């Protein structure tokens, strides 16, 4: 079974998403939102899903999760999440993936 690993930038993204949600909607809603994003991450472990994003780099895929987009690379034994950006953010502006 594959595992999911977050790059440092992706971990920062998750923290920023939680803090933003917490500031606006409170702890319960922030936790629920992160849980829903985490459910998509868990789906990536057992399903070959996601859209190829060759304009961003070799073997980069994306999948929507709530109001965000998860960018990742799939390896034989793991999924490496490189960023989790708001759907409104321009992914090409965040080319320093790692």
PDB file of N, CA and C in Angstrom:
ATOM      1  N   UNK A   1       0.838  -1.184   0.000  1.00  0.00           N
ATOM      2  CA  UNK A   1       0.000   0.000   0.000  1.00  0.00           C
ATOM      3  C   UNK A   1       0.887   1.254   0.000  1.00  0.00           C
ATOM      4  N   UNK A   2       0.481   2.226  -0.772  1.00  0.00           N
ATOM      5  CA  UNK A   2       1.229   3.479  -0.842  1.00  0.00           C
ATOM      6  C   UNK A   2       1.048   4.296   0.435  1.00  0.00           C
ATOM      7  N   UNK A   3       1.982   5.200   0.646  1.00  0.00           N
ATOM      8  CA  UNK A   3       1.873   6.160   1.735  1.00  0.00           C
ATOM      9  C   UNK A   3       1.830   7.560   1.138  1.00  0.00           C
ATOM     10  N   UNK A   4       1.406   8.514   1.936  1.00  0.00           N
ATOM     11  CA  UNK A   4       1.381   9.914   1.516  1.00  0.00           C
ATOM     12  C   UNK A   4       2.418  10.670   2.323  1.00  0.00           C
ATOM     13  N   UNK A   5       3.251  11.412   1.609  1.00  0.00           N
ATOM     14  CA  UNK A   5       4.197  12.285   2.293  1.00  0.00           C
ATOM     15  C   UNK A   5       3.977  13.711   1.806  1.00  0.00           C
ATOM     16  N   UNK A   6       4.079  14.656   2.715  1.00  0.00           N
ATOM     17  CA  UNK A   6       3.948  16.067   2.373  1.00  0.00           C
ATOM     18  C   UNK A   6       5.333  16.688   2.321  1.00  0.00           C
ATOM     19  N   UNK A   7       5.594  17.465   1.276  1.00  0.00           N
ATOM     20  CA  UNK A   7       6.825  18.248   1.274  1.00  0.00           C
ATOM     21  C   UNK A   7       6.681  19.333   2.339  1.00  0.00           C
ATOM     22  N   UNK A   8       7.777  19.964   2.736  1.00  0.00           N
ATOM     23  CA  UNK A   8       7.650  21.062   3.707  1.00  0.00           C
ATOM     24  C   UNK A   8       6.676  22.145   3.254  1.00  0.00           C
ATOM     25  N   UNK A   9       6.677  22.473   1.969  1.00  0.00           N
ATOM     26  CA  UNK A   9       5.743  23.487   1.451  1.00  0.00           C
ATOM     27  C   UNK A   9       4.293  23.025   1.578  1.00  0.00           C
ATOM     28  N   UNK A  10       4.037  21.756   1.302  1.00  0.00           N
ATOM     29  CA  UNK A  10       2.673  21.226   1.423  1.00  0.00           C
ATOM     30  C   UNK A  10       2.229  21.225   2.882  1.00  0.00           C
ATOM     31  N   UNK A  11       3.137  20.904   3.786  1.00  0.00           N
ATOM     32  CA  UNK A  11       2.803  20.945   5.221  1.00  0.00           C
ATOM     33  C   UNK A  11       2.484  22.379   5.642  1.00  0.00           C
ATOM     34  N   UNK A  12       3.253  23.348   5.132  1.00  0.00           N
ATOM     35  CA  UNK A  12       2.964  24.764   5.406  1.00  0.00           C
ATOM     36  C   UNK A  12       1.601  25.148   4.840  1.00  0.00           C
ATOM     37  N   UNK A  13       1.284  24.644   3.653  1.00  0.00           N
ATOM     38  CA  UNK A  13      -0.016  24.929   3.046  1.00  0.00           C
ATOM     39  C   UNK A  13      -1.147  24.426   3.939  1.00  0.00           C
ATOM     40  N   UNK A  14      -1.028  23.192   4.435  1.00  0.00           N
ATOM     41  CA  UNK A  14      -2.070  22.629   5.310  1.00  0.00           C
ATOM     42  C   UNK A  14      -2.234  23.478   6.565  1.00  0.00           C
ATOM     43  N   UNK A  15      -1.126  23.895   7.145  1.00  0.00           N
ATOM     44  CA  UNK A  15      -1.188  24.728   8.354  1.00  0.00           C
ATOM     45  C   UNK A  15      -1.851  26.069   8.050  1.00  0.00           C
ATOM     46  N   UNK A  16      -1.487  26.671   6.928  1.00  0.00           N
ATOM     47  CA  UNK A  16      -2.076  27.962   6.545  1.00  0.00           C
ATOM     48  C   UNK A  16      -3.575  27.835   6.284  1.00  0.00           C
ATOM     49  N   UNK A  17      -3.971  26.740   5.654  1.00  0.00           N
ATOM     50  CA  UNK A  17      -5.391  26.503   5.386  1.00  0.00           C
ATOM     51  C   UNK A  17      -6.145  26.392   6.707  1.00  0.00           C
ATOM     52  N   UNK A  18      -5.594  25.636   7.651  1.00  0.00           N
ATOM     53  CA  UNK A  18      -6.250  25.468   8.947  1.00  0.00           C
ATOM     54  C   UNK A  18      -6.344  26.813   9.672  1.00  0.00           C
ATOM     55  N   UNK A  19      -5.251  27.575   9.698  1.00  0.00           N
ATOM     56  CA  UNK A  19      -5.249  28.865  10.396  1.00  0.00           C
ATOM     57  C   UNK A  19      -6.253  29.837   9.783  1.00  0.00           C
ATOM     58  N   UNK A  20      -6.309  29.878   8.467  1.00  0.00           N
ATOM     59  CA  UNK A  20      -7.271  30.751   7.789  1.00  0.00           C
ATOM     60  C   UNK A  20      -8.698  30.352   8.175  1.00  0.00           C
ATOM     61  N   UNK A  21      -8.984  29.052   8.121  1.00  0.00           N
ATOM     62  CA  UNK A  21     -10.319  28.562   8.473  1.00  0.00           C
ATOM     63  C   UNK A  21     -10.641  28.830   9.935  1.00  0.00           C
ATOM     64  N   UNK A  22      -9.666  28.630  10.785  1.00  0.00           N
ATOM     65  CA  UNK A  22      -9.853  28.876  12.219  1.00  0.00           C
ATOM     66  C   UNK A  22     -10.192  30.339  12.490  1.00  0.00           C
ATOM     67  N   UNK A  23      -9.432  31.248  11.854  1.00  0.00           N
ATOM     68  CA  UNK A  23      -9.661  32.684  12.053  1.00  0.00           C
ATOM     69  C   UNK A  23     -11.047  33.113  11.599  1.00  0.00           C
ATOM     70  N   UNK A  24     -11.563  32.491  10.550  1.00  0.00           N
ATOM     71  CA  UNK A  24     -12.837  32.921   9.991  1.00  0.00           C
ATOM     72  C   UNK A  24     -14.042  32.136  10.494  1.00  0.00           C
ATOM     73  N   UNK A  25     -13.836  30.842  10.776  1.00  0.00           N
ATOM     74  CA  UNK A  25     -14.987  29.990  11.066  1.00  0.00           C
ATOM     75  C   UNK A  25     -14.902  29.227  12.382  1.00  0.00           C
ATOM     76  N   UNK A  26     -13.756  29.276  13.046  1.00  0.00           N
ATOM     77  CA  UNK A  26     -13.613  28.577  14.325  1.00  0.00           C
ATOM     78  C   UNK A  26     -12.932  27.225  14.193  1.00  0.00           C
ATOM     79  N   UNK A  27     -12.598  26.674  15.353  1.00  0.00           N
ATOM     80  CA  UNK A  27     -11.815  25.444  15.402  1.00  0.00           C
ATOM     81  C   UNK A  27     -12.539  24.248  14.795  1.00  0.00           C
ATOM     82  N   UNK A  28     -13.806  24.083  15.107  1.00  0.00           N
ATOM     83  CA  UNK A  28     -14.543  22.920  14.610  1.00  0.00           C
ATOM     84  C   UNK A  28     -14.583  22.906  13.088  1.00  0.00           C
ATOM     85  N   UNK A  29     -14.919  24.031  12.493  1.00  0.00           N
ATOM     86  CA  UNK A  29     -14.986  24.113  11.026  1.00  0.00           C
ATOM     87  C   UNK A  29     -13.612  23.941  10.396  1.00  0.00           C
ATOM     88  N   UNK A  30     -12.573  24.498  11.024  1.00  0.00           N
ATOM     89  CA  UNK A  30     -11.209  24.340  10.504  1.00  0.00           C
ATOM     90  C   UNK A  30     -10.816  22.869  10.506  1.00  0.00           C
ATOM     91  N   UNK A  31     -11.098  22.169  11.598  1.00  0.00           N
ATOM     92  CA  UNK A  31     -10.792  20.738  11.682  1.00  0.00           C
ATOM     93  C   UNK A  31     -11.566  19.944  10.634  1.00  0.00           C
ATOM     94  N   UNK A  32     -12.846  20.257  10.459  1.00  0.00           N
ATOM     95  CA  UNK A  32     -13.666  19.555   9.475  1.00  0.00           C
ATOM     96  C   UNK A  32     -13.130  19.763   8.056  1.00  0.00           C
ATOM     97  N   UNK A  33     -12.710  20.978   7.747  1.00  0.00           N
ATOM     98  CA  UNK A  33     -12.197  21.277   6.410  1.00  0.00           C
ATOM     99  C   UNK A  33     -10.913  20.499   6.141  1.00  0.00           C
ATOM    100  N   UNK A  34     -10.009  20.495   7.098  1.00  0.00           N
ATOM    101  CA  UNK A  34      -8.756  19.746   6.950  1.00  0.00           C
ATOM    102  C   UNK A  34      -9.059  18.248   6.838  1.00  0.00           C
ATOM    103  N   UNK A  35     -10.032  17.772   7.584  1.00  0.00           N
ATOM    104  CA  UNK A  35     -10.414  16.354   7.487  1.00  0.00           C
ATOM    105  C   UNK A  35     -10.888  16.008   6.080  1.00  0.00           C
ATOM    106  N   UNK A  36     -11.638  16.897   5.449  1.00  0.00           N
ATOM    107  CA  UNK A  36     -12.129  16.629   4.094  1.00  0.00           C
ATOM    108  C   UNK A  36     -10.973  16.620   3.087  1.00  0.00           C
ATOM    109  N   UNK A  37     -10.004  17.507   3.258  1.00  0.00           N
ATOM    110  CA  UNK A  37      -8.815  17.480   2.394  1.00  0.00           C
ATOM    111  C   UNK A  37      -8.041  16.186   2.638  1.00  0.00           C
ATOM    112  N   UNK A  38      -7.923  15.783   3.889  1.00  0.00           N
ATOM    113  CA  UNK A  38      -7.217  14.547   4.236  1.00  0.00           C
ATOM    114  C   UNK A  38      -7.893  13.323   3.622  1.00  0.00           C
ATOM    115  N   UNK A  39      -9.211  13.349   3.496  1.00  0.00           N
ATOM    116  CA  UNK A  39      -9.927  12.236   2.863  1.00  0.00           C
ATOM    117  C   UNK A  39      -9.511  12.089   1.398  1.00  0.00           C
ATOM    118  N   UNK A  40      -9.296  13.204   0.715  1.00  0.00           N
ATOM    119  CA  UNK A  40      -8.837  13.146  -0.676  1.00  0.00           C
ATOM    120  C   UNK A  40      -7.422  12.570  -0.720  1.00  0.00           C
ATOM    121  N   UNK A  41      -6.578  12.968   0.218  1.00  0.00           N
ATOM    122  CA  UNK A  41      -5.228  12.417   0.282  1.00  0.00           C
ATOM    123  C   UNK A  41      -5.271  10.902   0.485  1.00  0.00           C
ATOM    124  N   UNK A  42      -6.162  10.434   1.315  1.00  0.00           N
ATOM    125  CA  UNK A  42      -6.298   8.988   1.546  1.00  0.00           C
ATOM    126  C   UNK A  42      -6.789   8.267   0.295  1.00  0.00           C
ATOM    127  N   UNK A  43      -7.645   8.921  -0.495  1.00  0.00           N
ATOM    128  CA  UNK A  43      -8.113   8.324  -1.751  1.00  0.00           C
ATOM    129  C   UNK A  43      -6.966   8.112  -2.720  1.00  0.00           C
ATOM    130  N   UNK A  44      -5.986   9.030  -2.705  1.00  0.00           N
ATOM    131  CA  UNK A  44      -4.854   8.922  -3.615  1.00  0.00           C
ATOM    132  C   UNK A  44      -4.035   7.664  -3.362  1.00  0.00           C
ATOM    133  N   UNK A  45      -4.069   7.162  -2.144  1.00  0.00           N
ATOM    134  CA  UNK A  45      -3.296   5.972  -1.790  1.00  0.00           C
ATOM    135  C   UNK A  45      -3.762   4.752  -2.576  1.00  0.00           C
ATOM    136  N   UNK A  46      -5.064   4.615  -2.739  1.00  0.00           N
ATOM    137  CA  UNK A  46      -5.580   3.388  -3.332  1.00  0.00           C
ATOM    138  C   UNK A  46      -6.195   3.555  -4.720  1.00  0.00           C
ATOM    139  N   UNK A  47      -6.185   4.763  -5.246  1.00  0.00           N
ATOM    140  CA  UNK A  47      -6.765   4.987  -6.572  1.00  0.00           C
ATOM    141  C   UNK A  47      -5.797   5.787  -7.438  1.00  0.00           C
ATOM    142  N   UNK A  48      -5.692   5.403  -8.679  1.00  0.00           N
ATOM    143  CA  UNK A  48      -4.868   6.137  -9.651  1.00  0.00           C
ATOM    144  C   UNK A  48      -5.732   7.249 -10.244  1.00  0.00           C
ATOM    145  N   UNK A  49      -5.827   8.369  -9.532  1.00  0.00           N
ATOM    146  CA  UNK A  49      -6.667   9.473  -9.975  1.00  0.00           C
ATOM    147  C   UNK A  49      -5.849  10.745 -10.011  1.00  0.00           C
ATOM    148  N   UNK A  50      -6.379  11.743 -10.685  1.00  0.00           N
ATOM    149  CA  UNK A  50      -5.722  13.036 -10.794  1.00  0.00           C
ATOM    150  C   UNK A  50      -5.483  13.385 -12.250  1.00  0.00           C
ATOM    151  N   UNK A  51      -5.407  14.672 -12.508  1.00  0.00           N
ATOM    152  CA  UNK A  51      -5.174  15.166 -13.864  1.00  0.00           C
ATOM    153  C   UNK A  51      -3.691  15.443 -14.060  1.00  0.00           C
ATOM    154  N   UNK A  52      -3.162  14.968 -15.167  1.00  0.00           N
ATOM    155  CA  UNK A  52      -1.759  15.230 -15.488  1.00  0.00           C
ATOM    156  C   UNK A  52      -1.554  16.719 -15.721  1.00  0.00           C
ATOM    157  N   UNK A  53      -0.466  17.265 -15.172  1.00  0.00           N
ATOM    158  CA  UNK A  53      -0.175  18.700 -15.310  1.00  0.00           C
ATOM    159  C   UNK A  53       1.230  18.909 -15.887  1.00  0.00           C
ATOM    160  N   UNK A  54       1.457  18.511 -17.150  1.00  0.00           N
ATOM    161  CA  UNK A  54       2.795  18.608 -17.736  1.00  0.00           C
ATOM    162  C   UNK A  54       3.328  20.041 -17.819  1.00  0.00           C
ATOM    163  N   UNK A  55       2.423  21.015 -17.820  1.00  0.00           N
ATOM    164  CA  UNK A  55       2.879  22.413 -17.867  1.00  0.00           C
ATOM    165  C   UNK A  55       3.578  22.830 -16.571  1.00  0.00           C
ATOM    166  N   UNK A  56       3.400  22.051 -15.508  1.00  0.00           N
ATOM    167  CA  UNK A  56       4.008  22.356 -14.214  1.00  0.00           C
ATOM    168  C   UNK A  56       5.287  21.571 -13.962  1.00  0.00           C
ATOM    169  N   UNK A  57       5.464  20.484 -14.698  1.00  0.00           N
ATOM    170  CA  UNK A  57       6.653  19.668 -14.524  1.00  0.00           C
ATOM    171  C   UNK A  57       6.366  18.214 -14.828  1.00  0.00           C
ATOM    172  N   UNK A  58       7.423  17.445 -14.946  1.00  0.00           N
ATOM    173  CA  UNK A  58       7.302  16.036 -15.286  1.00  0.00           C
ATOM    174  C   UNK A  58       6.624  15.263 -14.151  1.00  0.00           C
ATOM    175  N   UNK A  59       5.622  14.464 -14.508  1.00  0.00           N
ATOM    176  CA  UNK A  59       4.918  13.567 -13.586  1.00  0.00           C
ATOM    177  C   UNK A  59       4.130  14.280 -12.486  1.00  0.00           C
ATOM    178  N   UNK A  60       3.786  15.543 -12.688  1.00  0.00           N
ATOM    179  CA  UNK A  60       2.976  16.259 -11.701  1.00  0.00           C
ATOM    180  C   UNK A  60       1.497  16.102 -12.058  1.00  0.00           C
ATOM    181  N   UNK A  61       0.703  15.781 -11.035  1.00  0.00           N
ATOM    182  CA  UNK A  61      -0.740  15.611 -11.180  1.00  0.00           C
ATOM    183  C   UNK A  61      -1.442  16.544 -10.205  1.00  0.00           C
ATOM    184  N   UNK A  62      -2.733  16.765 -10.446  1.00  0.00           N
ATOM    185  CA  UNK A  62      -3.525  17.569  -9.506  1.00  0.00           C
ATOM    186  C   UNK A  62      -4.896  16.944  -9.348  1.00  0.00           C
ATOM    187  N   UNK A  63      -5.497  17.263  -8.209  1.00  0.00           N
ATOM    188  CA  UNK A  63      -6.860  16.819  -7.929  1.00  0.00           C
ATOM    189  C   UNK A  63      -7.512  17.869  -7.042  1.00  0.00           C
ATOM    190  N   UNK A  64      -8.766  18.237  -7.328  1.00  0.00           N
ATOM    191  CA  UNK A  64      -9.438  19.218  -6.474  1.00  0.00           C
ATOM    192  C   UNK A  64      -9.810  18.610  -5.123  1.00  0.00           C
ATOM    193  N   UNK A  65      -9.767  19.450  -4.108  1.00  0.00           N
ATOM    194  CA  UNK A  65     -10.176  19.049  -2.758  1.00  0.00           C
ATOM    195  C   UNK A  65     -10.818  20.258  -2.110  1.00  0.00           C
ATOM    196  N   UNK A  66     -12.142  20.238  -2.032  1.00  0.00           N
ATOM    197  CA  UNK A  66     -12.879  21.390  -1.498  1.00  0.00           C
ATOM    198  C   UNK A  66     -12.561  22.618  -2.354  1.00  0.00           C
ATOM    199  N   UNK A  67     -12.129  23.710  -1.736  1.00  0.00           N
ATOM    200  CA  UNK A  67     -11.793  24.945  -2.458  1.00  0.00           C
ATOM    201  C   UNK A  67     -10.303  25.027  -2.780  1.00  0.00           C
ATOM    202  N   UNK A  68      -9.629  23.881  -2.720  1.00  0.00           N
ATOM    203  CA  UNK A  68      -8.185  23.816  -2.959  1.00  0.00           C
ATOM    204  C   UNK A  68      -7.870  22.780  -4.028  1.00  0.00           C
ATOM    205  N   UNK A  69      -6.627  22.798  -4.481  1.00  0.00           N
ATOM    206  CA  UNK A  69      -6.140  21.818  -5.447  1.00  0.00           C
ATOM    207  C   UNK A  69      -4.868  21.212  -4.866  1.00  0.00           C
ATOM    208  N   UNK A  70      -4.824  19.885  -4.859  1.00  0.00           N
ATOM    209  CA  UNK A  70      -3.651  19.157  -4.381  1.00  0.00           C
ATOM    210  C   UNK A  70      -2.778  18.838  -5.582  1.00  0.00           C
ATOM    211  N   UNK A  71      -1.513  19.206  -5.514  1.00  0.00           N
ATOM    212  CA  UNK A  71      -0.542  18.902  -6.558  1.00  0.00           C
ATOM    213  C   UNK A  71       0.384  17.825  -6.013  1.00  0.00           C
ATOM    214  N   UNK A  72       0.597  16.765  -6.807  1.00  0.00           N
ATOM    215  CA  UNK A  72       1.351  15.625  -6.291  1.00  0.00           C
ATOM    216  C   UNK A  72       2.088  14.880  -7.390  1.00  0.00           C
ATOM    217  N   UNK A  73       3.023  14.046  -6.942  1.00  0.00           N
ATOM    218  CA  UNK A  73       3.742  13.120  -7.806  1.00  0.00           C
ATOM    219  C   UNK A  73       3.486  11.731  -7.244  1.00  0.00           C
ATOM    220  N   UNK A  74       3.129  10.798  -8.110  1.00  0.00           N
ATOM    221  CA  UNK A  74       2.865   9.431  -7.685  1.00  0.00           C
ATOM    222  C   UNK A  74       4.084   8.569  -7.973  1.00  0.00           C
ATOM    223  N   UNK A  75       4.554   7.879  -6.948  1.00  0.00           N
ATOM    224  CA  UNK A  75       5.668   6.941  -7.068  1.00  0.00           C
ATOM    225  C   UNK A  75       5.118   5.536  -6.837  1.00  0.00           C
ATOM    226  N   UNK A  76       5.943   4.531  -7.014  1.00  0.00           N
ATOM    227  CA  UNK A  76       5.497   3.142  -6.810  1.00  0.00           C
ATOM    228  C   UNK A  76       4.966   2.909  -5.406  1.00  0.00           C
ATOM    229  N   UNK A  77       5.651   3.447  -4.406  1.00  0.00           N
ATOM    230  CA  UNK A  77       5.276   3.147  -3.024  1.00  0.00           C
ATOM    231  C   UNK A  77       4.725   4.338  -2.250  1.00  0.00           C
ATOM    232  N   UNK A  78       4.675   5.513  -2.875  1.00  0.00           N
ATOM    233  CA  UNK A  78       4.200   6.675  -2.139  1.00  0.00           C
ATOM    234  C   UNK A  78       3.641   7.747  -3.072  1.00  0.00           C
ATOM    235  N   UNK A  79       2.862   8.632  -2.469  1.00  0.00           N
ATOM    236  CA  UNK A  79       2.381   9.842  -3.128  1.00  0.00           C
ATOM    237  C   UNK A  79       3.090  10.998  -2.442  1.00  0.00           C
ATOM    238  N   UNK A  80       3.783  11.823  -3.212  1.00  0.00           N
ATOM    239  CA  UNK A  80       4.435  13.000  -2.652  1.00  0.00           C
ATOM    240  C   UNK A  80       3.587  14.217  -2.985  1.00  0.00           C
ATOM    241  N   UNK A  81       2.995  14.818  -1.964  1.00  0.00           N
ATOM    242  CA  UNK A  81       2.189  16.020  -2.142  1.00  0.00           C
ATOM    243  C   UNK A  81       3.141  17.200  -2.121  1.00  0.00           C
ATOM    244  N   UNK A  82       3.168  17.941  -3.242  1.00  0.00           N
ATOM    245  CA  UNK A  82       4.131  19.031  -3.343  1.00  0.00           C
ATOM    246  C   UNK A  82       3.546  20.386  -2.963  1.00  0.00           C
ATOM    247  N   UNK A  83       2.263  20.581  -3.192  1.00  0.00           N
ATOM    248  CA  UNK A  83       1.589  21.815  -2.756  1.00  0.00           C
ATOM    249  C   UNK A  83       0.105  21.549  -2.634  1.00  0.00           C
ATOM    250  N   UNK A  84      -0.551  22.380  -1.818  1.00  0.00           N
ATOM    251  CA  UNK A  84      -2.010  22.401  -1.716  1.00  0.00           C
ATOM    252  C   UNK A  84      -2.388  23.874  -1.802  1.00  0.00           C
ATOM    253  N   UNK A  85      -2.910  24.268  -2.958  1.00  0.00           N
ATOM    254  CA  UNK A  85      -3.175  25.684  -3.230  1.00  0.00           C
ATOM    255  C   UNK A  85      -4.667  25.927  -3.381  1.00  0.00           C
ATOM    256  N   UNK A  86      -5.079  27.131  -3.082  1.00  0.00           N
ATOM    257  CA  UNK A  86      -6.451  27.548  -3.328  1.00  0.00           C
ATOM    258  C   UNK A  86      -6.721  27.446  -4.825  1.00  0.00           C
ATOM    259  N   UNK A  87      -7.947  27.084  -5.162  1.00  0.00           N
ATOM    260  CA  UNK A  87      -8.297  26.994  -6.585  1.00  0.00           C
ATOM    261  C   UNK A  87      -8.114  28.328  -7.291  1.00  0.00           C
ATOM    262  N   UNK A  88      -8.115  29.429  -6.548  1.00  0.00           N
ATOM    263  CA  UNK A  88      -7.957  30.757  -7.144  1.00  0.00           C
ATOM    264  C   UNK A  88      -6.497  31.132  -7.374  1.00  0.00           C
ATOM    265  N   UNK A  89      -5.565  30.390  -6.791  1.00  0.00           N
ATOM    266  CA  UNK A  89      -4.147  30.697  -6.961  1.00  0.00           C
ATOM    267  C   UNK A  89      -3.650  30.195  -8.309  1.00  0.00           C
ATOM    268  N   UNK A  90      -2.741  30.923  -8.901  1.00  0.00           N
ATOM    269  CA  UNK A  90      -2.126  30.549 -10.167  1.00  0.00           C
ATOM    270  C   UNK A  90      -0.972  29.593  -9.879  1.00  0.00           C
ATOM    271  N   UNK A  91      -1.151  28.331 -10.216  1.00  0.00           N
ATOM    272  CA  UNK A  91      -0.135  27.316  -9.915  1.00  0.00           C
ATOM    273  C   UNK A  91       1.200  27.633 -10.577  1.00  0.00           C
ATOM    274  N   UNK A  92       1.177  28.250 -11.749  1.00  0.00           N
ATOM    275  CA  UNK A  92       2.427  28.569 -12.439  1.00  0.00           C
ATOM    276  C   UNK A  92       3.274  29.579 -11.661  1.00  0.00           C
ATOM    277  N   UNK A  93       2.662  30.344 -10.794  1.00  0.00           N
ATOM    278  CA  UNK A  93       3.402  31.309  -9.974  1.00  0.00           C
ATOM    279  C   UNK A  93       4.090  30.643  -8.796  1.00  0.00           C
ATOM    280  N   UNK A  94       3.792  29.365  -8.576  1.00  0.00           N
ATOM    281  CA  UNK A  94       4.335  28.637  -7.425  1.00  0.00           C
ATOM    282  C   UNK A  94       5.224  27.488  -7.903  1.00  0.00           C
ATOM    283  N   UNK A  95       6.085  27.794  -8.876  1.00  0.00           N
ATOM    284  CA  UNK A  95       6.922  26.749  -9.471  1.00  0.00           C
ATOM    285  C   UNK A  95       8.019  26.251  -8.546  1.00  0.00           C
ATOM    286  N   UNK A  96       8.313  26.944  -7.470  1.00  0.00           N
ATOM    287  CA  UNK A  96       9.275  26.455  -6.486  1.00  0.00           C
ATOM    288  C   UNK A  96       8.547  25.437  -5.622  1.00  0.00           C
ATOM    289  N   UNK A  97       8.194  24.309  -6.212  1.00  0.00           N
ATOM    290  CA  UNK A  97       7.336  23.320  -5.563  1.00  0.00           C
ATOM    291  C   UNK A  97       7.899  22.798  -4.270  1.00  0.00           C
ATOM    292  N   UNK A  98       9.158  22.576  -4.237  1.00  0.00           N
ATOM    293  CA  UNK A  98       9.739  21.969  -3.050  1.00  0.00           C
ATOM    294  C   UNK A  98      10.334  23.042  -2.194  1.00  0.00           C
TER     295      UNK A  98
END
